Structure formats: C-alpha cells, structure tokens
Amino acid sequence: MLKKVKPHNPEVVDLTESIMLRTAIARENHAALRSGFAGYPPNPRWNVTKFRAWKTGRQLKEALEHGEMVVRSTDCMLVPAQDQGNGTDEEVRSSQWIDFFSHKQLVLAA
C-alpha cells in the first residue's frame, strides 16, 4: 500500500553557516539538501526523496553560481535574483520560492 505524502509547512534551512533557504522539503531530507548544495556526491543508500533533495541542493548551487539566485544581505536568505528589485513584500517572494522548489524537486536526474 502506498503511503500518503503530507505537505510540509515551509521552514528555514541552513544550507551553510551563512546561507539560509525557505523550503517545503521535509526535515528528514535537509541533510541531503545540504550535501547537494555543498557539492558532495549522492549516497547510494538514499531513498528517492533524499536523492531529490540532494539534486535540489545541486540545482540551487548551480543557480547561485550562474547568478540566477542571490544571497540577500539583509537576512542571508537564498532567493531568485529577479526578486531582489521587486519591492519589499517578503511574504510574496517567500511563497513564490516555496512553490518553485516544491515542484522542482519532483524532477529526477535523467
């Protein structure tokens, strides 16, 4: 029987000591997310959800390196670069970011 996946409330994750991320990725997968962001290889014993979190971490790191993402100086939060100049409504930016990665993490590496 398949287990129902409950939606997770967004929470802030420390990707590094100086970079934070607001995400809906489950807490049990945060270490894999950090591992991907740090550039470590995936663990072959991980389940699919940990691998997806790891891959999301890799994609975040690549986006940061290519200038698609930036670290906001006010709160060290990793956000899309285009959101930096769009006013000050933090809630709108956070919800867009959460929606983007909750869908993005479902794509597996080919």
Protein backbone atom coordinates (compact mmCIF):
# COMPACT_ATOMS: atom_id res chain seq x y z
CA MET A 1 0.00 0.00 0.00
CA LEU A 2 1.29 3.48 -0.87
CA LYS A 3 1.92 5.92 1.91
CA LYS A 4 0.26 9.32 1.54
CA VAL A 5 2.72 12.18 1.48
CA LYS A 6 1.68 15.05 3.72
CA PRO A 7 2.53 18.56 2.54
CA HIS A 8 5.18 20.11 4.75
CA ASN A 9 4.97 23.60 6.11
CA PRO A 10 7.76 25.77 4.77
CA GLU A 11 10.67 26.20 7.10
CA VAL A 12 14.08 27.81 7.04
CA VAL A 13 17.07 25.53 6.41
CA ASP A 14 20.73 26.42 6.94
CA LEU A 15 22.45 25.41 3.68
CA THR A 16 25.76 26.70 5.07
CA GLU A 17 26.72 28.79 8.08
CA SER A 18 25.94 31.93 6.08
CA ILE A 19 23.21 30.88 3.61
CA MET A 20 19.59 30.12 4.54
CA LEU A 21 16.72 28.78 2.44
CA ARG A 22 12.97 28.69 2.98
CA THR A 23 11.68 25.39 1.64
CA ALA A 24 8.91 22.81 1.90
CA ILE A 25 11.37 19.90 1.75
CA ALA A 26 10.80 17.56 4.69
CA ARG A 27 13.14 17.94 7.66
CA GLU A 28 14.44 14.37 7.33
CA ASN A 29 15.83 15.33 3.90
CA HIS A 30 17.60 18.56 4.92
CA ALA A 31 20.98 16.83 5.33
CA ALA A 32 20.75 15.55 1.74
CA LEU A 33 19.78 19.06 0.56
CA ARG A 34 22.86 20.50 2.31
CA SER A 35 25.03 17.74 0.88
CA GLY A 36 23.95 18.56 -2.67
CA PHE A 37 24.49 22.27 -2.10
CA ALA A 38 27.99 21.58 -0.74
CA GLY A 39 28.88 19.53 -3.83
CA TYR A 40 29.14 16.10 -2.24
CA PRO A 41 28.14 13.03 -4.26
CA PRO A 42 24.80 11.34 -3.52
CA ASN A 43 24.72 8.42 -1.12
CA PRO A 44 23.77 5.21 -2.98
CA ARG A 45 21.72 4.06 0.04
CA TRP A 46 19.41 7.08 -0.07
CA ASN A 47 15.76 6.70 -0.94
CA VAL A 48 14.15 8.68 -3.75
CA THR A 49 13.10 11.63 -1.61
CA LYS A 50 16.60 12.10 -0.20
CA PHE A 51 18.03 11.93 -3.72
CA ARG A 52 15.53 14.56 -4.89
CA ALA A 53 16.53 16.83 -2.01
CA TRP A 54 20.21 16.30 -2.90
CA LYS A 55 19.51 17.14 -6.54
CA THR A 56 17.63 20.28 -5.49
CA GLY A 57 20.68 21.31 -3.46
CA ARG A 58 22.88 20.85 -6.53
CA GLN A 59 20.47 22.90 -8.66
CA LEU A 60 20.46 25.67 -6.05
CA LYS A 61 24.26 25.79 -6.02
CA GLU A 62 24.39 25.93 -9.83
CA ALA A 63 21.77 28.68 -9.90
CA LEU A 64 23.78 30.66 -7.33
CA GLU A 65 26.97 30.25 -9.37
CA HIS A 66 25.20 31.37 -12.58
CA GLY A 67 23.65 34.44 -10.97
CA GLU A 68 20.08 33.14 -11.15
CA MET A 69 19.99 33.08 -7.33
CA VAL A 70 21.48 35.54 -4.85
CA VAL A 71 22.03 35.64 -1.10
CA ARG A 72 20.11 38.56 0.34
CA SER A 73 22.40 40.67 2.51
CA THR A 74 19.65 41.59 4.99
CA ASP A 75 18.91 38.05 6.19
CA CYS A 76 21.33 35.70 4.31
CA MET A 77 18.35 34.10 2.55
CA LEU A 78 18.91 32.47 -0.85
CA VAL A 79 16.36 33.96 -3.25
CA PRO A 80 15.86 34.24 -7.03
CA ALA A 81 17.86 37.16 -8.45
CA GLN A 82 14.83 38.74 -10.15
CA ASP A 83 13.11 39.11 -6.76
CA GLN A 84 15.77 41.46 -5.41
CA GLY A 85 14.31 44.56 -7.02
CA ASN A 86 10.61 43.79 -6.65
CA GLY A 87 9.53 45.84 -3.65
CA THR A 88 9.59 44.68 -0.05
CA ASP A 89 6.71 42.22 0.25
CA GLU A 90 8.62 39.33 1.81
CA GLU A 91 5.61 37.01 2.02
CA VAL A 92 5.01 37.15 -1.74
CA ARG A 93 8.63 36.34 -2.53
CA SER A 94 8.76 33.52 0.01
CA SER A 95 5.62 31.83 -1.28
CA GLN A 96 6.83 32.01 -4.89
CA TRP A 97 10.14 30.47 -3.85
CA ILE A 98 8.47 27.66 -1.91
CA ASP A 99 6.15 26.83 -4.80
CA PHE A 100 9.04 26.78 -7.27
CA PHE A 101 11.07 24.23 -5.35
CA SER A 102 8.26 22.02 -4.17
CA HIS A 103 7.54 21.33 -7.87
CA LYS A 104 11.17 21.44 -8.97
CA GLN A 105 12.26 18.74 -6.55
CA LEU A 106 9.94 16.22 -8.22
CA VAL A 107 12.14 16.03 -11.32
CA LEU A 108 14.71 13.24 -11.18
CA ALA A 109 18.04 13.25 -12.97
CA ALA A 110 17.92 11.57 -16.34
